[in-house]
Amino acid sequence: MKLRIATVDDAEELLQIYKPYVENTAITFEYEVPDCKEFAQRIVNTLKTYPYIIAVKYNEILGYAYASTFKDRAAYDWAIETSIYIKSDVRHSGIGTKLYDCLEKLLKTQGILNANACIAYLETEEKHLPADSTKFHEHFGFKLVGVFHKCGYKFEKWYDMIWMEKLIGEHSNTPNQVRKISQLSQAELKSAGLDI
């Protein structure tokens, strides 16, 4: 399996991974599956600053992970939000761990200090929302920092939202400016685990 940066040419295949999450789960609070043009634009927008990486095996995309803006204010520049989606028939096979490990290394290299995850949550699992995401983030070192109650409505049910965080860098009084993903060298990308 190889990891590489996504391109707009991957949009259709990535959308096919995302589609069941929209239609069958509360893992995303999106109601409608975006069209390919919209999804491609999301990739473009992400890559203006952050990593958007995909896992590929035998020319098939098995999953993807990316970072996005945490809050649109300058003081938040060192914090991001993470997202990950794995093809349903290969979940629990270690792909998510490889993607997140690479994503975290890239973010550290950029100068990001805080990784945050926004996760739909119920105290009891149900068919639209297994506890996989929460367990995955706990396993990866994220800690629960907040709960918003009954803030998402989907499938005629109210869902909570939790925030989890992982501090991935040292916080000093003079932090380095965050670099864009495009500013990283080939050697830095390769060192993080990408196949160049």
Protein backbone atom coordinates (compact mmCIF):
# COMPACT_ATOMS: atom_id res chain seq x y z
CA MET A 1 0.00 0.00 0.00
CA LYS A 2 1.22 3.48 -0.87
CA LEU A 3 0.30 6.89 0.48
CA ARG A 4 0.24 9.95 -1.74
CA ILE A 5 -1.26 13.43 -2.01
CA ALA A 6 -4.74 13.47 -3.53
CA THR A 7 -5.48 15.24 -6.81
CA VAL A 8 -8.72 16.41 -8.40
CA ASP A 9 -8.50 13.34 -10.65
CA ASP A 10 -9.15 11.24 -7.53
CA ALA A 11 -12.41 13.04 -6.74
CA GLU A 12 -14.81 10.49 -8.23
CA GLU A 13 -13.19 7.52 -6.48
CA LEU A 14 -12.94 9.40 -3.18
CA LEU A 15 -16.57 10.42 -3.49
CA GLN A 16 -17.56 6.77 -3.81
CA ILE A 17 -15.86 6.12 -0.45
CA TYR A 18 -17.59 9.10 1.15
CA LYS A 19 -21.07 8.47 -0.31
CA PRO A 20 -22.10 5.58 2.03
CA TYR A 21 -21.07 7.67 5.05
CA VAL A 22 -23.52 10.37 3.96
CA GLU A 23 -26.34 8.03 2.99
CA ASN A 24 -26.10 5.42 5.75
CA THR A 25 -24.38 6.93 8.77
CA ALA A 26 -24.33 9.88 11.13
CA ILE A 27 -20.53 9.91 10.96
CA THR A 28 -20.97 12.93 8.73
CA PHE A 29 -23.84 15.33 9.33
CA GLU A 30 -24.09 16.05 5.62
CA TYR A 31 -27.52 15.11 4.23
CA GLU A 32 -26.85 15.16 0.49
CA VAL A 33 -23.94 13.54 -1.33
CA PRO A 34 -22.00 16.33 -3.04
CA ASP A 35 -21.46 16.10 -6.78
CA CYS A 36 -18.02 15.34 -8.19
CA LYS A 37 -17.31 18.97 -9.08
CA GLU A 38 -18.01 20.11 -5.51
CA PHE A 39 -15.93 17.27 -4.08
CA ALA A 40 -13.01 18.10 -6.39
CA GLN A 41 -13.19 21.72 -5.24
CA ARG A 42 -13.00 20.58 -1.62
CA ILE A 43 -9.74 18.78 -2.44
CA VAL A 44 -8.36 21.91 -4.13
CA ASN A 45 -9.37 24.12 -1.20
CA THR A 46 -7.77 21.78 1.34
CA LEU A 47 -4.49 21.52 -0.55
CA LYS A 48 -4.08 25.30 -0.56
CA THR A 49 -2.78 24.89 3.00
CA TYR A 50 -3.11 21.37 4.39
CA PRO A 51 -2.42 17.73 3.53
CA TYR A 52 -5.04 15.62 1.77
CA ILE A 53 -3.61 12.12 1.55
CA ILE A 54 -4.90 8.88 0.13
CA ALA A 55 -4.03 5.20 0.63
CA VAL A 56 -3.71 3.25 -2.63
CA LYS A 57 -3.23 -0.47 -3.20
CA TYR A 58 -3.21 -2.07 -6.66
CA ASN A 59 -4.41 1.26 -8.12
CA GLU A 60 -7.49 1.26 -5.84
CA ILE A 61 -8.02 4.05 -3.30
CA LEU A 62 -8.82 2.48 0.06
CA GLY A 63 -9.15 5.57 2.24
CA TYR A 64 -8.22 9.18 2.74
CA ALA A 65 -7.42 11.66 5.49
CA TYR A 66 -7.01 15.40 5.50
CA ALA A 67 -6.74 18.45 7.71
CA SER A 68 -8.85 21.59 7.58
CA THR A 69 -9.08 24.97 9.25
CA PHE A 70 -10.10 24.77 12.90
CA LYS A 71 -11.32 28.38 13.12
CA ASP A 72 -10.87 31.17 10.61
CA ARG A 73 -8.91 33.58 12.83
CA ALA A 74 -5.15 34.15 12.81
CA ALA A 75 -4.64 33.09 16.43
CA TYR A 76 -5.92 29.60 15.53
CA ASP A 77 -3.31 29.03 12.79
CA TRP A 78 -1.51 26.33 14.81
CA ALA A 79 -4.69 24.24 15.28
CA ILE A 80 -6.45 22.12 12.68
CA GLU A 81 -9.36 19.70 12.38
CA THR A 82 -8.72 16.19 11.09
CA SER A 83 -10.99 13.96 9.01
CA ILE A 84 -10.65 10.38 7.83
CA TYR A 85 -12.77 8.02 5.73
CA ILE A 86 -11.98 4.39 4.90
CA LYS A 87 -13.64 2.24 2.25
CA SER A 88 -16.26 0.18 4.08
CA ASP A 89 -14.98 -3.26 3.09
CA VAL A 90 -11.42 -2.61 4.33
CA ARG A 91 -12.11 -0.90 7.64
CA HIS A 92 -10.26 -2.26 10.70
CA SER A 93 -7.27 -3.30 8.57
CA GLY A 94 -4.75 -0.70 9.73
CA ILE A 95 -5.26 1.73 6.84
CA GLY A 96 -6.58 4.47 9.12
CA THR A 97 -3.56 4.21 11.39
CA LYS A 98 -1.16 4.52 8.46
CA LEU A 99 -3.05 7.51 7.08
CA TYR A 100 -3.21 9.29 10.44
CA ASP A 101 0.43 8.55 11.23
CA CYS A 102 1.47 10.15 7.94
CA LEU A 103 -1.00 13.02 8.36
CA GLU A 104 0.35 13.80 11.84
CA LYS A 105 3.97 13.78 10.62
CA LEU A 106 3.09 16.16 7.78
CA LEU A 107 1.22 18.49 10.14
CA LYS A 108 4.13 18.53 12.60
CA THR A 109 6.49 19.38 9.76
CA GLN A 110 4.20 22.25 8.77
CA GLY A 111 4.34 23.58 12.33
CA ILE A 112 0.84 22.59 13.46
CA LEU A 113 0.62 22.09 17.25
CA ASN A 114 -2.98 21.02 17.95
CA ALA A 115 -4.96 18.34 16.10
CA ASN A 116 -8.70 18.36 16.77
CA ALA A 117 -11.40 15.90 15.77
CA CYS A 118 -15.12 16.63 15.67
CA ILE A 119 -17.02 13.36 16.10
CA ALA A 120 -20.71 12.48 16.14
CA TYR A 121 -21.47 10.65 19.35
CA LEU A 122 -24.06 8.64 21.27
CA GLU A 123 -23.54 6.97 24.62
CA THR A 124 -24.93 3.77 23.10
CA GLU A 125 -23.93 2.59 19.64
CA GLU A 126 -26.65 2.20 17.01
CA LYS A 127 -26.81 1.20 13.35
CA HIS A 128 -26.15 4.71 12.02
CA LEU A 129 -23.35 5.48 14.45
CA PRO A 130 -20.91 2.84 15.68
CA ALA A 131 -18.31 3.97 18.20
CA ASP A 132 -15.44 3.25 15.79
CA SER A 133 -14.38 6.86 15.29
CA THR A 134 -14.20 7.63 19.00
CA LYS A 135 -12.26 4.43 19.68
CA PHE A 136 -9.89 5.08 16.78
CA HIS A 137 -9.05 8.58 18.00
CA GLU A 138 -8.58 7.36 21.58
CA HIS A 139 -6.21 4.68 20.29
CA PHE A 140 -4.32 7.36 18.37
CA GLY A 141 -3.82 9.48 21.50
CA PHE A 142 -6.69 11.96 21.22
CA LYS A 143 -8.40 13.03 24.46
CA LEU A 144 -12.00 14.11 24.98
CA VAL A 145 -12.24 17.86 25.60
CA GLY A 146 -15.88 18.74 25.04
CA VAL A 147 -19.42 17.55 24.38
CA PHE A 148 -22.21 19.38 22.57
CA HIS A 149 -25.53 17.74 23.30
CA LYS A 150 -28.18 16.96 20.68
CA CYS A 151 -26.71 19.37 18.16
CA GLY A 152 -26.98 17.22 15.03
CA TYR A 153 -30.23 15.85 13.61
CA LYS A 154 -30.16 13.02 11.08
CA PHE A 155 -32.23 9.88 10.48
CA GLU A 156 -34.98 11.33 12.73
CA LYS A 157 -32.63 11.26 15.70
CA TRP A 158 -30.57 13.79 17.67
CA TYR A 159 -26.84 13.18 17.97
CA ASP A 160 -24.26 14.69 20.27
CA MET A 161 -20.97 15.99 18.96
CA ILE A 162 -17.71 15.54 20.83
CA TRP A 163 -14.40 17.29 20.34
CA MET A 164 -11.19 15.35 20.89
CA GLU A 165 -7.70 16.82 20.73
CA LYS A 166 -4.10 15.74 20.49
CA LEU A 167 -1.20 18.08 21.11
CA ILE A 168 1.39 17.24 18.47
CA GLY A 169 3.97 19.97 19.03
CA GLU A 170 5.62 22.13 21.65
CA HIS A 171 3.85 25.38 22.55
CA SER A 172 6.31 28.26 22.92
CA ASN A 173 5.79 32.01 23.23
CA THR A 174 7.31 32.42 19.77
CA PRO A 175 5.89 29.66 17.57
CA ASN A 176 7.18 29.28 14.03
CA GLN A 177 4.84 30.38 11.28
CA VAL A 178 2.87 27.47 9.85
CA ARG A 179 4.03 26.40 6.39
CA LYS A 180 1.64 25.40 3.63
CA ILE A 181 1.77 21.79 2.44
CA SER A 182 3.10 23.08 -0.89
CA GLN A 183 6.10 24.59 0.93
CA LEU A 184 7.36 21.24 2.22
CA SER A 185 10.30 19.71 0.39
CA GLN A 186 10.21 16.36 -1.39
CA ALA A 187 12.47 15.00 1.36
CA GLU A 188 10.06 16.20 4.07
CA LEU A 189 7.09 14.63 2.29
CA LYS A 190 8.92 11.36 1.87
CA SER A 191 10.09 11.39 5.50
CA ALA A 192 6.46 11.64 6.63
CA GLY A 193 5.62 8.45 4.74
CA LEU A 194 4.41 9.64 1.35
CA ASP A 195 5.46 7.83 -1.78
CA ILE A 196 7.03 10.47 -4.02
